[in-house]
């Protein structure tokens, strides 16, 4: 059988881990990224550097691959659409039109009868003042922004005097809840009613950056089942192919809310590399490349710790315990709030 050459848009940690998994499946990878120092070039077979809207780079990429996936949501839709007209893109570009816009995303979720926190579209300061019932809340750009970027906490209307907000962009204001826990559900959909799903993962964030993830999540069984049911419903409604992650909030009354959908493999799912017989990355590759679907089983309980900024220095050349697995993303520069690697521990 001819070796598949999979194109991956984006060359960060997720692209790196996809490329590593691809080698095990005899899949060739070509990564197209706008960062000349992208760490995934250490693991892929071919690397194309250029702007995601550069027509020559897009053409070169298309000519080098058999099909395409991506490691993050914010690839320009026009680029995905252009590529998809010649080489199949999974997940399909139309999904990103929803996921890239927080207003469209929340409307889509609510239209499925699935609960989110209360929210409103914000175009100017007076829109916030007229929706004081959503304060305290979090103001987020409708597009772009992750790991806390493009987000503003508003504890009281008076806070607006001290915030420098560029209202050339649209925002949504989300009402804070009495947050008890954050969880995520990672699943891979292969086709209609054909999927592999991981148990809910419990997450802890600091400064809006994921710090730790663990399984099993310490939540009621009813919430475990409901979160998986909602994640499956979302994947079916999107007619999704590949791995996706649905992030949830749980409040102090044990109400469940969808926070966001990630149309890709996800940081909280890194622990599946060591905790399961088939990782989120391998399942994604199997789905998009139409390889056999394997029955995914948990082998170990696990916890994953993101190594952010200088955290990485402690683990480079460190002696690990038998149950510890260290991943260095080989990013060129160490920066504060930058994910540099992760450590996973497994438990029987």
C-alpha atoms as a PDB file:
ATOM      1  CA  UNK A   1       0.000   0.000   0.000  1.00  0.00           C
ATOM      2  CA  UNK A   2       1.287   3.477  -0.888  1.00  0.00           C
ATOM      3  CA  UNK A   3       2.319   5.518   2.125  1.00  0.00           C
ATOM      4  CA  UNK A   4      -0.138   8.371   2.831  1.00  0.00           C
ATOM      5  CA  UNK A   5       1.374  11.858   2.908  1.00  0.00           C
ATOM      6  CA  UNK A   6      -0.686  13.816   5.414  1.00  0.00           C
ATOM      7  CA  UNK A   7      -0.501  17.607   5.376  1.00  0.00           C
ATOM      8  CA  UNK A   8      -0.694  19.319   8.765  1.00  0.00           C
ATOM      9  CA  UNK A   9      -1.402  23.029   9.058  1.00  0.00           C
ATOM     10  CA  UNK A  10       0.433  24.385  12.100  1.00  0.00           C
ATOM     11  CA  UNK A  11       3.739  23.316  13.585  1.00  0.00           C
ATOM     12  CA  UNK A  12       3.436  23.686  17.353  1.00  0.00           C
ATOM     13  CA  UNK A  13       3.245  21.075  20.097  1.00  0.00           C
ATOM     14  CA  UNK A  14       0.126  19.443  18.676  1.00  0.00           C
ATOM     15  CA  UNK A  15       1.616  19.226  15.191  1.00  0.00           C
ATOM     16  CA  UNK A  16       4.733  17.705  16.737  1.00  0.00           C
ATOM     17  CA  UNK A  17       2.790  15.021  18.601  1.00  0.00           C
ATOM     18  CA  UNK A  18       0.712  14.253  15.503  1.00  0.00           C
ATOM     19  CA  UNK A  19       3.884  13.838  13.449  1.00  0.00           C
ATOM     20  CA  UNK A  20       5.389  11.526  16.085  1.00  0.00           C
ATOM     21  CA  UNK A  21       2.248   9.363  16.087  1.00  0.00           C
ATOM     22  CA  UNK A  22       2.164   9.364  12.278  1.00  0.00           C
ATOM     23  CA  UNK A  23       5.585   7.712  12.096  1.00  0.00           C
ATOM     24  CA  UNK A  24       4.272   4.761  14.119  1.00  0.00           C
ATOM     25  CA  UNK A  25       1.466   4.333  11.567  1.00  0.00           C
ATOM     26  CA  UNK A  26       3.773   4.657   8.540  1.00  0.00           C
ATOM     27  CA  UNK A  27       2.135   7.966   7.595  1.00  0.00           C
ATOM     28  CA  UNK A  28       4.350  10.606   6.017  1.00  0.00           C
ATOM     29  CA  UNK A  29       3.784  14.190   7.228  1.00  0.00           C
ATOM     30  CA  UNK A  30       4.262  17.575   5.580  1.00  0.00           C
ATOM     31  CA  UNK A  31       3.829  20.546   7.884  1.00  0.00           C
ATOM     32  CA  UNK A  32       2.947  24.037   6.646  1.00  0.00           C
ATOM     33  CA  UNK A  33       3.500  26.728   9.278  1.00  0.00           C
ATOM     34  CA  UNK A  34       3.992  30.488   9.475  1.00  0.00           C
ATOM     35  CA  UNK A  35       6.646  30.110  12.195  1.00  0.00           C
ATOM     36  CA  UNK A  36      10.122  29.405  10.804  1.00  0.00           C
ATOM     37  CA  UNK A  37      11.120  28.035  14.228  1.00  0.00           C
ATOM     38  CA  UNK A  38       8.103  25.723  14.510  1.00  0.00           C
ATOM     39  CA  UNK A  39       9.127  22.759  16.692  1.00  0.00           C
ATOM     40  CA  UNK A  40       7.182  20.240  14.581  1.00  0.00           C
ATOM     41  CA  UNK A  41       9.829  20.471  11.872  1.00  0.00           C
ATOM     42  CA  UNK A  42      11.936  18.300  14.196  1.00  0.00           C
ATOM     43  CA  UNK A  43       9.487  15.429  13.677  1.00  0.00           C
ATOM     44  CA  UNK A  44       7.841  15.778  10.245  1.00  0.00           C
ATOM     45  CA  UNK A  45       9.103  14.519   6.881  1.00  0.00           C
ATOM     46  CA  UNK A  46       8.705  17.834   5.035  1.00  0.00           C
ATOM     47  CA  UNK A  47       8.351  21.406   6.287  1.00  0.00           C
ATOM     48  CA  UNK A  48       6.977  24.411   4.424  1.00  0.00           C
ATOM     49  CA  UNK A  49       7.420  27.845   5.974  1.00  0.00           C
ATOM     50  CA  UNK A  50       5.206  30.690   4.862  1.00  0.00           C
ATOM     51  CA  UNK A  51       2.113  32.762   5.492  1.00  0.00           C
ATOM     52  CA  UNK A  52      -1.133  30.794   5.561  1.00  0.00           C
ATOM     53  CA  UNK A  53      -2.544  33.115   2.899  1.00  0.00           C
ATOM     54  CA  UNK A  54       0.486  32.941   0.587  1.00  0.00           C
ATOM     55  CA  UNK A  55      -0.820  31.433  -2.671  1.00  0.00           C
ATOM     56  CA  UNK A  56       2.548  29.958  -3.679  1.00  0.00           C
ATOM     57  CA  UNK A  57       3.010  28.260  -0.309  1.00  0.00           C
ATOM     58  CA  UNK A  58      -0.547  26.928  -0.430  1.00  0.00           C
ATOM     59  CA  UNK A  59       0.077  25.549  -3.924  1.00  0.00           C
ATOM     60  CA  UNK A  60       3.342  23.910  -2.833  1.00  0.00           C
ATOM     61  CA  UNK A  61       1.588  22.388   0.174  1.00  0.00           C
ATOM     62  CA  UNK A  62      -1.314  21.032  -1.892  1.00  0.00           C
ATOM     63  CA  UNK A  63       1.078  19.465  -4.408  1.00  0.00           C
ATOM     64  CA  UNK A  64       3.007  17.689  -1.648  1.00  0.00           C
ATOM     65  CA  UNK A  65       0.146  15.990   0.228  1.00  0.00           C
ATOM     66  CA  UNK A  66      -2.700  13.516  -0.217  1.00  0.00           C
ATOM     67  CA  UNK A  67      -5.034  14.961   2.421  1.00  0.00           C
ATOM     68  CA  UNK A  68      -4.912  17.626   5.142  1.00  0.00           C
ATOM     69  CA  UNK A  69      -5.648  18.225   8.812  1.00  0.00           C
ATOM     70  CA  UNK A  70      -4.719  21.030  11.213  1.00  0.00           C
ATOM     71  CA  UNK A  71      -3.477  21.542  14.768  1.00  0.00           C
ATOM     72  CA  UNK A  72      -5.311  24.752  15.657  1.00  0.00           C
ATOM     73  CA  UNK A  73      -8.588  26.434  14.753  1.00  0.00           C
ATOM     74  CA  UNK A  74      -7.470  29.817  13.535  1.00  0.00           C
ATOM     75  CA  UNK A  75      -6.291  28.913  10.046  1.00  0.00           C
ATOM     76  CA  UNK A  76      -8.015  31.362   7.642  1.00  0.00           C
ATOM     77  CA  UNK A  77     -11.222  29.797   6.329  1.00  0.00           C
ATOM     78  CA  UNK A  78     -10.374  30.865   2.772  1.00  0.00           C
ATOM     79  CA  UNK A  79      -7.113  28.888   2.960  1.00  0.00           C
ATOM     80  CA  UNK A  80      -8.878  25.770   4.240  1.00  0.00           C
ATOM     81  CA  UNK A  81     -11.567  26.138   1.569  1.00  0.00           C
ATOM     82  CA  UNK A  82      -8.985  26.525  -1.200  1.00  0.00           C
ATOM     83  CA  UNK A  83      -7.063  23.462  -0.067  1.00  0.00           C
ATOM     84  CA  UNK A  84     -10.271  21.435   0.369  1.00  0.00           C
ATOM     85  CA  UNK A  85     -11.235  22.116  -3.257  1.00  0.00           C
ATOM     86  CA  UNK A  86      -8.219  20.031  -4.309  1.00  0.00           C
ATOM     87  CA  UNK A  87      -7.265  17.843  -1.347  1.00  0.00           C
ATOM     88  CA  UNK A  88      -9.708  16.677   1.336  1.00  0.00           C
ATOM     89  CA  UNK A  89      -9.452  18.570   4.644  1.00  0.00           C
ATOM     90  CA  UNK A  90     -10.555  16.967   7.933  1.00  0.00           C
ATOM     91  CA  UNK A  91     -12.202  18.343   9.977  1.00  0.00           C
ATOM     92  CA  UNK A  92     -14.071  20.057   7.134  1.00  0.00           C
ATOM     93  CA  UNK A  93     -13.524  23.846   6.775  1.00  0.00           C
ATOM     94  CA  UNK A  94     -17.181  24.720   7.468  1.00  0.00           C
ATOM     95  CA  UNK A  95     -16.709  23.523  11.048  1.00  0.00           C
ATOM     96  CA  UNK A  96     -14.046  26.143  11.644  1.00  0.00           C
ATOM     97  CA  UNK A  97     -16.402  28.894  10.540  1.00  0.00           C
ATOM     98  CA  UNK A  98     -18.420  28.037  13.646  1.00  0.00           C
ATOM     99  CA  UNK A  99     -15.554  27.260  16.021  1.00  0.00           C
ATOM    100  CA  UNK A 100     -13.493  30.341  15.089  1.00  0.00           C
ATOM    101  CA  UNK A 101     -16.246  32.656  16.274  1.00  0.00           C
ATOM    102  CA  UNK A 102     -17.297  32.395  19.924  1.00  0.00           C
ATOM    103  CA  UNK A 103     -20.733  33.894  19.240  1.00  0.00           C
ATOM    104  CA  UNK A 104     -21.467  31.435  16.402  1.00  0.00           C
ATOM    105  CA  UNK A 105     -20.119  28.606  18.544  1.00  0.00           C
ATOM    106  CA  UNK A 106     -22.325  29.364  21.556  1.00  0.00           C
ATOM    107  CA  UNK A 107     -25.388  29.875  19.350  1.00  0.00           C
ATOM    108  CA  UNK A 108     -24.694  26.507  17.699  1.00  0.00           C
ATOM    109  CA  UNK A 109     -24.382  24.761  21.087  1.00  0.00           C
ATOM    110  CA  UNK A 110     -27.565  26.336  22.468  1.00  0.00           C
ATOM    111  CA  UNK A 111     -29.465  25.414  19.285  1.00  0.00           C
ATOM    112  CA  UNK A 112     -28.686  21.769  20.116  1.00  0.00           C
ATOM    113  CA  UNK A 113     -30.407  22.222  23.467  1.00  0.00           C
ATOM    114  CA  UNK A 114     -27.068  22.116  25.277  1.00  0.00           C
ATOM    115  CA  UNK A 115     -26.400  24.559  28.084  1.00  0.00           C
ATOM    116  CA  UNK A 116     -23.717  27.278  28.107  1.00  0.00           C
ATOM    117  CA  UNK A 117     -23.192  30.178  30.489  1.00  0.00           C
ATOM    118  CA  UNK A 118     -25.282  33.278  29.727  1.00  0.00           C
ATOM    119  CA  UNK A 119     -23.705  35.559  27.118  1.00  0.00           C
ATOM    120  CA  UNK A 120     -24.283  38.579  24.882  1.00  0.00           C
ATOM    121  CA  UNK A 121     -22.655  40.076  21.794  1.00  0.00           C
ATOM    122  CA  UNK A 122     -20.713  43.230  22.730  1.00  0.00           C
ATOM    123  CA  UNK A 123     -19.833  45.876  20.135  1.00  0.00           C
ATOM    124  CA  UNK A 124     -19.286  48.898  22.382  1.00  0.00           C
ATOM    125  CA  UNK A 125     -18.926  49.885  26.045  1.00  0.00           C
ATOM    126  CA  UNK A 126     -22.591  50.796  26.395  1.00  0.00           C
ATOM    127  CA  UNK A 127     -23.524  47.217  25.441  1.00  0.00           C
ATOM    128  CA  UNK A 128     -21.788  46.086  28.644  1.00  0.00           C
ATOM    129  CA  UNK A 129     -23.484  48.787  30.709  1.00  0.00           C
ATOM    130  CA  UNK A 130     -26.859  47.703  29.333  1.00  0.00           C
ATOM    131  CA  UNK A 131     -26.168  44.069  30.290  1.00  0.00           C
ATOM    132  CA  UNK A 132     -25.093  44.619  33.877  1.00  0.00           C
ATOM    133  CA  UNK A 133     -26.769  41.314  34.825  1.00  0.00           C
ATOM    134  CA  UNK A 134     -23.823  39.554  33.093  1.00  0.00           C
ATOM    135  CA  UNK A 135     -21.330  41.245  35.432  1.00  0.00           C
ATOM    136  CA  UNK A 136     -19.203  39.873  36.986  1.00  0.00           C
ATOM    137  CA  UNK A 137     -18.229  38.275  33.723  1.00  0.00           C
ATOM    138  CA  UNK A 138     -15.497  37.609  31.193  1.00  0.00           C
ATOM    139  CA  UNK A 139     -15.221  39.686  28.024  1.00  0.00           C
ATOM    140  CA  UNK A 140     -13.703  37.689  25.140  1.00  0.00           C
ATOM    141  CA  UNK A 141     -12.940  38.564  21.547  1.00  0.00           C
ATOM    142  CA  UNK A 142     -15.324  36.736  19.221  1.00  0.00           C
ATOM    143  CA  UNK A 143     -12.379  35.567  17.148  1.00  0.00           C
ATOM    144  CA  UNK A 144      -8.777  34.640  17.946  1.00  0.00           C
ATOM    145  CA  UNK A 145      -7.352  34.680  21.459  1.00  0.00           C
ATOM    146  CA  UNK A 146      -6.387  31.640  23.509  1.00  0.00           C
ATOM    147  CA  UNK A 147      -4.623  30.901  26.811  1.00  0.00           C
ATOM    148  CA  UNK A 148      -6.151  34.089  28.217  1.00  0.00           C
ATOM    149  CA  UNK A 149      -5.237  36.369  25.282  1.00  0.00           C
ATOM    150  CA  UNK A 150      -7.971  38.797  24.194  1.00  0.00           C
ATOM    151  CA  UNK A 151      -9.865  38.334  27.459  1.00  0.00           C
ATOM    152  CA  UNK A 152     -10.820  40.825  30.159  1.00  0.00           C
ATOM    153  CA  UNK A 153     -12.261  40.086  33.582  1.00  0.00           C
ATOM    154  CA  UNK A 154     -14.994  42.526  34.550  1.00  0.00           C
ATOM    155  CA  UNK A 155     -15.900  42.277  38.218  1.00  0.00           C
ATOM    156  CA  UNK A 156     -17.922  45.508  38.267  1.00  0.00           C
ATOM    157  CA  UNK A 157     -19.051  48.114  35.742  1.00  0.00           C
ATOM    158  CA  UNK A 158     -16.515  50.561  37.223  1.00  0.00           C
ATOM    159  CA  UNK A 159     -13.727  48.270  35.962  1.00  0.00           C
ATOM    160  CA  UNK A 160     -14.415  49.521  32.449  1.00  0.00           C
ATOM    161  CA  UNK A 161     -12.665  52.819  33.265  1.00  0.00           C
ATOM    162  CA  UNK A 162      -9.342  51.011  33.666  1.00  0.00           C
ATOM    163  CA  UNK A 163      -9.547  48.565  30.777  1.00  0.00           C
ATOM    164  CA  UNK A 164      -8.090  49.394  27.388  1.00  0.00           C
ATOM    165  CA  UNK A 165     -10.397  47.558  25.013  1.00  0.00           C
ATOM    166  CA  UNK A 166     -10.257  47.917  21.225  1.00  0.00           C
ATOM    167  CA  UNK A 167     -13.895  47.807  20.165  1.00  0.00           C
ATOM    168  CA  UNK A 168     -12.933  47.581  16.509  1.00  0.00           C
ATOM    169  CA  UNK A 169     -13.331  43.870  17.283  1.00  0.00           C
ATOM    170  CA  UNK A 170     -16.552  42.213  18.399  1.00  0.00           C
ATOM    171  CA  UNK A 171     -16.668  40.579  21.828  1.00  0.00           C
ATOM    172  CA  UNK A 172     -18.964  38.381  23.829  1.00  0.00           C
ATOM    173  CA  UNK A 173     -19.565  38.919  27.517  1.00  0.00           C
ATOM    174  CA  UNK A 174     -19.990  35.669  29.448  1.00  0.00           C
ATOM    175  CA  UNK A 175     -21.469  35.667  32.933  1.00  0.00           C
ATOM    176  CA  UNK A 176     -19.293  34.104  35.621  1.00  0.00           C
ATOM    177  CA  UNK A 177     -20.657  31.045  37.388  1.00  0.00           C
ATOM    178  CA  UNK A 178     -19.776  29.710  40.833  1.00  0.00           C
ATOM    179  CA  UNK A 179     -17.141  27.452  39.338  1.00  0.00           C
ATOM    180  CA  UNK A 180     -16.516  24.115  41.026  1.00  0.00           C
ATOM    181  CA  UNK A 181     -14.548  22.226  38.394  1.00  0.00           C
ATOM    182  CA  UNK A 182     -13.450  22.282  34.764  1.00  0.00           C
ATOM    183  CA  UNK A 183     -13.498  19.096  32.719  1.00  0.00           C
ATOM    184  CA  UNK A 184     -13.002  18.149  29.103  1.00  0.00           C
ATOM    185  CA  UNK A 185     -14.172  15.268  26.945  1.00  0.00           C
ATOM    186  CA  UNK A 186     -11.957  14.156  24.066  1.00  0.00           C
ATOM    187  CA  UNK A 187     -13.468  11.966  21.389  1.00  0.00           C
ATOM    188  CA  UNK A 188     -12.629  10.801  17.887  1.00  0.00           C
ATOM    189  CA  UNK A 189     -15.449  10.481  15.374  1.00  0.00           C
ATOM    190  CA  UNK A 190     -14.814   8.194  12.410  1.00  0.00           C
ATOM    191  CA  UNK A 191     -18.233   8.358  10.761  1.00  0.00           C
ATOM    192  CA  UNK A 192     -21.918   8.581  11.661  1.00  0.00           C
ATOM    193  CA  UNK A 193     -22.403   6.971  15.087  1.00  0.00           C
ATOM    194  CA  UNK A 194     -18.848   5.612  14.895  1.00  0.00           C
ATOM    195  CA  UNK A 195     -16.490   7.026  17.472  1.00  0.00           C
ATOM    196  CA  UNK A 196     -14.033   6.349  20.283  1.00  0.00           C
ATOM    197  CA  UNK A 197     -14.488   8.451  23.409  1.00  0.00           C
ATOM    198  CA  UNK A 198     -12.223   9.025  26.396  1.00  0.00           C
ATOM    199  CA  UNK A 199     -13.569   9.438  29.907  1.00  0.00           C
ATOM    200  CA  UNK A 200     -13.923  13.026  31.207  1.00  0.00           C
ATOM    201  CA  UNK A 201     -10.632  14.676  32.146  1.00  0.00           C
ATOM    202  CA  UNK A 202     -10.436  17.022  35.140  1.00  0.00           C
ATOM    203  CA  UNK A 203      -8.466  20.209  34.445  1.00  0.00           C
ATOM    204  CA  UNK A 204      -6.949  22.972  36.554  1.00  0.00           C
ATOM    205  CA  UNK A 205      -6.142  26.330  34.940  1.00  0.00           C
ATOM    206  CA  UNK A 206      -3.970  29.155  36.270  1.00  0.00           C
ATOM    207  CA  UNK A 207      -4.106  32.572  34.607  1.00  0.00           C
ATOM    208  CA  UNK A 208      -6.352  30.943  31.961  1.00  0.00           C
ATOM    209  CA  UNK A 209      -3.594  28.488  30.971  1.00  0.00           C
ATOM    210  CA  UNK A 210      -4.035  24.755  31.513  1.00  0.00           C
ATOM    211  CA  UNK A 211      -1.679  23.587  34.262  1.00  0.00           C
ATOM    212  CA  UNK A 212      -2.785  20.036  35.093  1.00  0.00           C
ATOM    213  CA  UNK A 213      -5.138  17.363  33.777  1.00  0.00           C
ATOM    214  CA  UNK A 214      -6.069  14.047  35.373  1.00  0.00           C
ATOM    215  CA  UNK A 215      -8.180  10.939  34.986  1.00  0.00           C
ATOM    216  CA  UNK A 216     -10.415   9.865  36.493  1.00  0.00           C
ATOM    217  CA  UNK A 217     -12.190  13.171  37.032  1.00  0.00           C
ATOM    218  CA  UNK A 218     -13.593  13.531  40.542  1.00  0.00           C
ATOM    219  CA  UNK A 219     -17.203  14.149  39.480  1.00  0.00           C
ATOM    220  CA  UNK A 220     -20.563  12.412  39.778  1.00  0.00           C
ATOM    221  CA  UNK A 221     -21.305   9.586  37.354  1.00  0.00           C
ATOM    222  CA  UNK A 222     -24.341  11.495  36.041  1.00  0.00           C
ATOM    223  CA  UNK A 223     -22.045  14.353  34.962  1.00  0.00           C
ATOM    224  CA  UNK A 224     -19.596  11.926  33.362  1.00  0.00           C
ATOM    225  CA  UNK A 225     -22.378  10.439  31.263  1.00  0.00           C
ATOM    226  CA  UNK A 226     -24.007  13.781  30.414  1.00  0.00           C
ATOM    227  CA  UNK A 227     -20.705  15.361  29.328  1.00  0.00           C
ATOM    228  CA  UNK A 228     -19.993  12.410  27.024  1.00  0.00           C
ATOM    229  CA  UNK A 229     -23.549  12.519  25.651  1.00  0.00           C
ATOM    230  CA  UNK A 230     -23.224  16.238  24.852  1.00  0.00           C
ATOM    231  CA  UNK A 231     -19.783  15.764  23.253  1.00  0.00           C
ATOM    232  CA  UNK A 232     -21.170  13.011  21.012  1.00  0.00           C
ATOM    233  CA  UNK A 233     -24.182  15.187  20.064  1.00  0.00           C
ATOM    234  CA  UNK A 234     -21.874  18.054  19.103  1.00  0.00           C
ATOM    235  CA  UNK A 235     -19.631  15.819  16.978  1.00  0.00           C
ATOM    236  CA  UNK A 236     -22.635  14.324  15.189  1.00  0.00           C
ATOM    237  CA  UNK A 237     -24.227  17.730  14.517  1.00  0.00           C
ATOM    238  CA  UNK A 238     -20.925  18.939  13.036  1.00  0.00           C
ATOM    239  CA  UNK A 239     -20.557  15.746  10.961  1.00  0.00           C
ATOM    240  CA  UNK A 240     -17.046  15.774  12.372  1.00  0.00           C
ATOM    241  CA  UNK A 241     -14.151  13.558  11.257  1.00  0.00           C
ATOM    242  CA  UNK A 242     -11.165  13.352  13.607  1.00  0.00           C
ATOM    243  CA  UNK A 243     -10.465  14.132  17.235  1.00  0.00           C
ATOM    244  CA  UNK A 244     -12.198  17.021  18.982  1.00  0.00           C
ATOM    245  CA  UNK A 245     -12.409  18.237  22.547  1.00  0.00           C
ATOM    246  CA  UNK A 246     -15.376  19.754  24.358  1.00  0.00           C
ATOM    247  CA  UNK A 247     -14.502  21.827  27.434  1.00  0.00           C
ATOM    248  CA  UNK A 248     -17.037  22.079  30.265  1.00  0.00           C
ATOM    249  CA  UNK A 249     -17.674  24.053  33.451  1.00  0.00           C
ATOM    250  CA  UNK A 250     -19.359  22.545  36.520  1.00  0.00           C
ATOM    251  CA  UNK A 251     -20.837  24.944  39.070  1.00  0.00           C
ATOM    252  CA  UNK A 252     -21.306  24.478  42.807  1.00  0.00           C
ATOM    253  CA  UNK A 253     -24.812  23.081  42.244  1.00  0.00           C
ATOM    254  CA  UNK A 254     -23.359  20.470  39.853  1.00  0.00           C
ATOM    255  CA  UNK A 255     -24.867  22.094  36.773  1.00  0.00           C
ATOM    256  CA  UNK A 256     -22.936  21.345  33.574  1.00  0.00           C
ATOM    257  CA  UNK A 257     -22.133  23.971  30.917  1.00  0.00           C
ATOM    258  CA  UNK A 258     -20.207  23.722  27.655  1.00  0.00           C
ATOM    259  CA  UNK A 259     -17.433  26.307  27.610  1.00  0.00           C
ATOM    260  CA  UNK A 260     -15.747  25.784  24.241  1.00  0.00           C
ATOM    261  CA  UNK A 261     -15.248  23.292  21.425  1.00  0.00           C
ATOM    262  CA  UNK A 262     -11.739  22.622  20.105  1.00  0.00           C
ATOM    263  CA  UNK A 263     -11.867  21.206  16.570  1.00  0.00           C
ATOM    264  CA  UNK A 264      -8.544  19.376  16.953  1.00  0.00           C
ATOM    265  CA  UNK A 265      -6.514  17.268  19.313  1.00  0.00           C
ATOM    266  CA  UNK A 266      -6.265  18.988  22.689  1.00  0.00           C
ATOM    267  CA  UNK A 267      -3.721  19.746  25.409  1.00  0.00           C
ATOM    268  CA  UNK A 268      -5.848  18.059  28.089  1.00  0.00           C
ATOM    269  CA  UNK A 269      -5.717  14.840  26.058  1.00  0.00           C
ATOM    270  CA  UNK A 270      -1.920  14.547  26.139  1.00  0.00           C
ATOM    271  CA  UNK A 271      -2.168  12.051  28.982  1.00  0.00           C
ATOM    272  CA  UNK A 272      -3.870   9.574  26.614  1.00  0.00           C
ATOM    273  CA  UNK A 273      -0.440   8.894  25.066  1.00  0.00           C
ATOM    274  CA  UNK A 274       0.478   6.982  28.220  1.00  0.00           C
ATOM    275  CA  UNK A 275      -2.883   6.180  29.816  1.00  0.00           C
ATOM    276  CA  UNK A 276      -4.566   4.427  26.867  1.00  0.00           C
ATOM    277  CA  UNK A 277      -3.754   1.797  24.276  1.00  0.00           C
ATOM    278  CA  UNK A 278      -4.630   4.333  21.548  1.00  0.00           C
ATOM    279  CA  UNK A 279      -3.884   8.036  22.080  1.00  0.00           C
ATOM    280  CA  UNK A 280      -5.995  10.964  20.905  1.00  0.00           C
ATOM    281  CA  UNK A 281      -3.310  11.614  18.260  1.00  0.00           C
ATOM    282  CA  UNK A 282      -3.343   8.091  16.844  1.00  0.00           C
ATOM    283  CA  UNK A 283      -7.142   8.046  16.795  1.00  0.00           C
ATOM    284  CA  UNK A 284      -7.184  11.368  14.961  1.00  0.00           C
ATOM    285  CA  UNK A 285      -4.798  10.031  12.322  1.00  0.00           C
ATOM    286  CA  UNK A 286      -6.788   6.816  11.985  1.00  0.00           C
ATOM    287  CA  UNK A 287     -10.005   8.788  11.457  1.00  0.00           C
ATOM    288  CA  UNK A 288      -8.743  11.346   8.944  1.00  0.00           C
ATOM    289  CA  UNK A 289      -6.657   8.798   7.001  1.00  0.00           C
ATOM    290  CA  UNK A 290      -9.466   6.192   7.058  1.00  0.00           C
ATOM    291  CA  UNK A 291      -7.432   3.545   8.850  1.00  0.00           C
ATOM    292  CA  UNK A 292      -8.919   0.820  11.036  1.00  0.00           C
ATOM    293  CA  UNK A 293     -10.748   1.972  14.153  1.00  0.00           C
ATOM    294  CA  UNK A 294      -9.362   0.228  17.224  1.00  0.00           C
ATOM    295  CA  UNK A 295     -11.227  -0.350  20.462  1.00  0.00           C
ATOM    296  CA  UNK A 296      -9.736   2.306  22.747  1.00  0.00           C
ATOM    297  CA  UNK A 297      -9.130   1.218  26.339  1.00  0.00           C
ATOM    298  CA  UNK A 298      -7.749   2.916  29.423  1.00  0.00           C
ATOM    299  CA  UNK A 299      -4.683   1.147  30.783  1.00  0.00           C
ATOM    300  CA  UNK A 300      -3.834   3.491  33.656  1.00  0.00           C
ATOM    301  CA  UNK A 301      -5.134   6.428  35.611  1.00  0.00           C
ATOM    302  CA  UNK A 302      -2.949   9.431  34.894  1.00  0.00           C
ATOM    303  CA  UNK A 303      -2.102  13.061  35.490  1.00  0.00           C
ATOM    304  CA  UNK A 304      -0.441  15.497  33.112  1.00  0.00           C
ATOM    305  CA  UNK A 305       1.447  18.636  34.150  1.00  0.00           C
ATOM    306  CA  UNK A 306       2.119  21.374  31.618  1.00  0.00           C
ATOM    307  CA  UNK A 307       5.667  22.688  31.844  1.00  0.00           C
ATOM    308  CA  UNK A 308       5.371  26.414  31.285  1.00  0.00           C
ATOM    309  CA  UNK A 309       8.272  28.807  30.796  1.00  0.00           C
ATOM    310  CA  UNK A 310      11.251  27.923  32.992  1.00  0.00           C
ATOM    311  CA  UNK A 311       9.460  24.820  34.367  1.00  0.00           C
ATOM    312  CA  UNK A 312      11.077  22.925  31.491  1.00  0.00           C
ATOM    313  CA  UNK A 313      14.595  23.427  32.878  1.00  0.00           C
ATOM    314  CA  UNK A 314      13.881  21.226  35.895  1.00  0.00           C
ATOM    315  CA  UNK A 315      13.122  18.219  33.708  1.00  0.00           C
ATOM    316  CA  UNK A 316      15.709  18.442  30.960  1.00  0.00           C
ATOM    317  CA  UNK A 317      18.317  15.784  31.828  1.00  0.00           C
ATOM    318  CA  UNK A 318      16.418  14.894  35.043  1.00  0.00           C
ATOM    319  CA  UNK A 319      16.136  11.296  36.229  1.00  0.00           C
ATOM    320  CA  UNK A 320      12.507  10.209  35.941  1.00  0.00           C
ATOM    321  CA  UNK A 321      10.536   7.736  38.004  1.00  0.00           C
ATOM    322  CA  UNK A 322       9.308   4.566  36.285  1.00  0.00           C
ATOM    323  CA  UNK A 323       5.777   5.980  36.073  1.00  0.00           C
ATOM    324  CA  UNK A 324       6.852   9.359  34.626  1.00  0.00           C
ATOM    325  CA  UNK A 325       7.062  10.383  30.965  1.00  0.00           C
ATOM    326  CA  UNK A 326       8.640  13.672  29.928  1.00  0.00           C
ATOM    327  CA  UNK A 327       7.926  15.425  26.628  1.00  0.00           C
ATOM    328  CA  UNK A 328      10.084  18.358  25.512  1.00  0.00           C
ATOM    329  CA  UNK A 329       8.476  20.306  22.667  1.00  0.00           C
ATOM    330  CA  UNK A 330      11.913  21.619  21.599  1.00  0.00           C
ATOM    331  CA  UNK A 331      10.692  25.179  21.254  1.00  0.00           C
ATOM    332  CA  UNK A 332      13.585  27.478  20.461  1.00  0.00           C
ATOM    333  CA  UNK A 333      12.953  30.168  23.080  1.00  0.00           C
ATOM    334  CA  UNK A 334      11.766  29.848  26.658  1.00  0.00           C
ATOM    335  CA  UNK A 335       9.116  32.490  27.381  1.00  0.00           C
ATOM    336  CA  UNK A 336       6.803  33.160  30.338  1.00  0.00           C
ATOM    337  CA  UNK A 337       3.346  31.576  29.892  1.00  0.00           C
ATOM    338  CA  UNK A 338       4.654  29.499  26.971  1.00  0.00           C
ATOM    339  CA  UNK A 339       3.984  25.741  27.015  1.00  0.00           C
ATOM    340  CA  UNK A 340       7.446  24.199  26.681  1.00  0.00           C
ATOM    341  CA  UNK A 341       6.655  20.552  27.392  1.00  0.00           C
ATOM    342  CA  UNK A 342       4.670  18.281  29.668  1.00  0.00           C
ATOM    343  CA  UNK A 343       5.122  15.518  32.210  1.00  0.00           C
ATOM    344  CA  UNK A 344       2.703  12.615  32.522  1.00  0.00           C
ATOM    345  CA  UNK A 345       2.484  10.253  35.472  1.00  0.00           C
ATOM    346  CA  UNK A 346       0.544   6.990  35.295  1.00  0.00           C
ATOM    347  CA  UNK A 347      -0.991   5.047  38.179  1.00  0.00           C
ATOM    348  CA  UNK A 348      -2.483   1.575  38.471  1.00  0.00           C
END
